[in-house]
């Protein structure tokens, strides 16, 4: 589900390369930004070249990062799906 942001948040996202790709991801797939905290055992730097690569792969496959990485977000805690 697409996350709605106000103009200030969008401006902040657009000021950063990862933020710009995240906005594309949010428009295409929808979802909260990737959070490295709590995602154990998955090296996105090695698998996807970092967050930008992760978002691009999510867009390509039409999946959220949670689905792509096989994690389930439960409140503020992430567990393996």
C-alpha atoms as a PDB file:
ATOM      1  CA  UNK A   1       0.000   0.000   0.000  1.00  0.00           C
ATOM      2  CA  UNK A   2       1.393   3.373  -1.023  1.00  0.00           C
ATOM      3  CA  UNK A   3       2.545   5.589   1.825  1.00  0.00           C
ATOM      4  CA  UNK A   4       1.380   9.201   1.517  1.00  0.00           C
ATOM      5  CA  UNK A   5       3.870  11.955   2.327  1.00  0.00           C
ATOM      6  CA  UNK A   6       3.551  15.725   2.566  1.00  0.00           C
ATOM      7  CA  UNK A   7       5.553  18.088   0.359  1.00  0.00           C
ATOM      8  CA  UNK A   8       8.296  18.560   2.954  1.00  0.00           C
ATOM      9  CA  UNK A   9       8.891  14.804   3.289  1.00  0.00           C
ATOM     10  CA  UNK A  10       8.930  14.397  -0.487  1.00  0.00           C
ATOM     11  CA  UNK A  11      11.469  17.210  -0.793  1.00  0.00           C
ATOM     12  CA  UNK A  12      13.670  15.482   1.795  1.00  0.00           C
ATOM     13  CA  UNK A  13      13.432  12.132  -0.016  1.00  0.00           C
ATOM     14  CA  UNK A  14      14.296  13.810  -3.326  1.00  0.00           C
ATOM     15  CA  UNK A  15      17.446  15.324  -1.818  1.00  0.00           C
ATOM     16  CA  UNK A  16      19.011  11.860  -1.431  1.00  0.00           C
ATOM     17  CA  UNK A  17      19.728   9.180  -4.098  1.00  0.00           C
ATOM     18  CA  UNK A  18      18.214   6.414  -1.950  1.00  0.00           C
ATOM     19  CA  UNK A  19      15.228   8.609  -1.174  1.00  0.00           C
ATOM     20  CA  UNK A  20      14.568   9.249  -4.871  1.00  0.00           C
ATOM     21  CA  UNK A  21      14.540   5.527  -5.654  1.00  0.00           C
ATOM     22  CA  UNK A  22      12.391   4.904  -2.580  1.00  0.00           C
ATOM     23  CA  UNK A  23       9.784   7.343  -3.929  1.00  0.00           C
ATOM     24  CA  UNK A  24       9.748   5.406  -7.204  1.00  0.00           C
ATOM     25  CA  UNK A  25       9.373   2.163  -5.216  1.00  0.00           C
ATOM     26  CA  UNK A  26       6.557   3.667  -3.142  1.00  0.00           C
ATOM     27  CA  UNK A  27       4.741   4.856  -6.284  1.00  0.00           C
ATOM     28  CA  UNK A  28       5.179   1.498  -8.025  1.00  0.00           C
ATOM     29  CA  UNK A  29       4.970  -1.122  -5.267  1.00  0.00           C
ATOM     30  CA  UNK A  30       4.007   0.858  -2.183  1.00  0.00           C
ATOM     31  CA  UNK A  31       5.334   0.446   1.295  1.00  0.00           C
ATOM     32  CA  UNK A  32       7.405   1.817   4.114  1.00  0.00           C
ATOM     33  CA  UNK A  33      11.102   2.554   3.556  1.00  0.00           C
ATOM     34  CA  UNK A  34      13.560  -0.291   4.068  1.00  0.00           C
ATOM     35  CA  UNK A  35      14.897  -0.539   7.604  1.00  0.00           C
ATOM     36  CA  UNK A  36      18.124  -2.475   8.137  1.00  0.00           C
ATOM     37  CA  UNK A  37      17.422  -2.784  11.844  1.00  0.00           C
ATOM     38  CA  UNK A  38      15.917  -6.153  12.599  1.00  0.00           C
ATOM     39  CA  UNK A  39      16.674  -7.749   9.228  1.00  0.00           C
ATOM     40  CA  UNK A  40      19.217 -10.327  10.270  1.00  0.00           C
ATOM     41  CA  UNK A  41      20.955 -12.792   8.015  1.00  0.00           C
ATOM     42  CA  UNK A  42      20.284 -10.833   4.814  1.00  0.00           C
ATOM     43  CA  UNK A  43      23.177  -8.925   3.292  1.00  0.00           C
ATOM     44  CA  UNK A  44      21.441  -6.528   0.907  1.00  0.00           C
ATOM     45  CA  UNK A  45      24.774  -4.949   0.062  1.00  0.00           C
ATOM     46  CA  UNK A  46      26.040  -8.283  -1.260  1.00  0.00           C
ATOM     47  CA  UNK A  47      22.743  -9.414  -2.807  1.00  0.00           C
ATOM     48  CA  UNK A  48      21.518  -6.168  -4.351  1.00  0.00           C
ATOM     49  CA  UNK A  49      24.363  -3.670  -4.069  1.00  0.00           C
ATOM     50  CA  UNK A  50      22.612  -1.783  -1.258  1.00  0.00           C
ATOM     51  CA  UNK A  51      19.253  -0.144  -0.754  1.00  0.00           C
ATOM     52  CA  UNK A  52      19.079   1.351  -4.238  1.00  0.00           C
ATOM     53  CA  UNK A  53      19.555  -2.078  -5.803  1.00  0.00           C
ATOM     54  CA  UNK A  54      17.033  -3.571  -3.398  1.00  0.00           C
ATOM     55  CA  UNK A  55      14.411  -1.011  -4.390  1.00  0.00           C
ATOM     56  CA  UNK A  56      15.135  -1.557  -8.092  1.00  0.00           C
ATOM     57  CA  UNK A  57      14.713  -5.316  -7.677  1.00  0.00           C
ATOM     58  CA  UNK A  58      11.459  -4.786  -5.790  1.00  0.00           C
ATOM     59  CA  UNK A  59      10.172  -2.549  -8.589  1.00  0.00           C
ATOM     60  CA  UNK A  60      11.268  -5.091 -11.209  1.00  0.00           C
ATOM     61  CA  UNK A  61       9.505  -7.959  -9.420  1.00  0.00           C
ATOM     62  CA  UNK A  62       6.544  -5.922  -8.164  1.00  0.00           C
ATOM     63  CA  UNK A  63       7.204  -6.970  -4.569  1.00  0.00           C
ATOM     64  CA  UNK A  64       7.656  -5.135  -1.303  1.00  0.00           C
ATOM     65  CA  UNK A  65      11.081  -5.396   0.279  1.00  0.00           C
ATOM     66  CA  UNK A  66       9.511  -7.500   3.042  1.00  0.00           C
ATOM     67  CA  UNK A  67       8.216 -10.002   0.482  1.00  0.00           C
ATOM     68  CA  UNK A  68      11.443  -9.993  -1.497  1.00  0.00           C
ATOM     69  CA  UNK A  69      13.573 -10.600   1.604  1.00  0.00           C
ATOM     70  CA  UNK A  70      11.114 -13.009   3.183  1.00  0.00           C
ATOM     71  CA  UNK A  71      10.566 -11.029   6.374  1.00  0.00           C
ATOM     72  CA  UNK A  72       7.335 -10.131   8.087  1.00  0.00           C
ATOM     73  CA  UNK A  73       6.996  -6.794   9.803  1.00  0.00           C
ATOM     74  CA  UNK A  74       5.172  -7.022  13.094  1.00  0.00           C
ATOM     75  CA  UNK A  75       4.821  -3.559  14.630  1.00  0.00           C
ATOM     76  CA  UNK A  76       8.427  -2.426  15.143  1.00  0.00           C
ATOM     77  CA  UNK A  77       9.841  -5.953  15.128  1.00  0.00           C
ATOM     78  CA  UNK A  78      10.756  -7.896  11.995  1.00  0.00           C
ATOM     79  CA  UNK A  79      10.753 -11.657  11.972  1.00  0.00           C
ATOM     80  CA  UNK A  80      11.489 -14.206   9.278  1.00  0.00           C
ATOM     81  CA  UNK A  81       8.414 -15.135   7.291  1.00  0.00           C
END
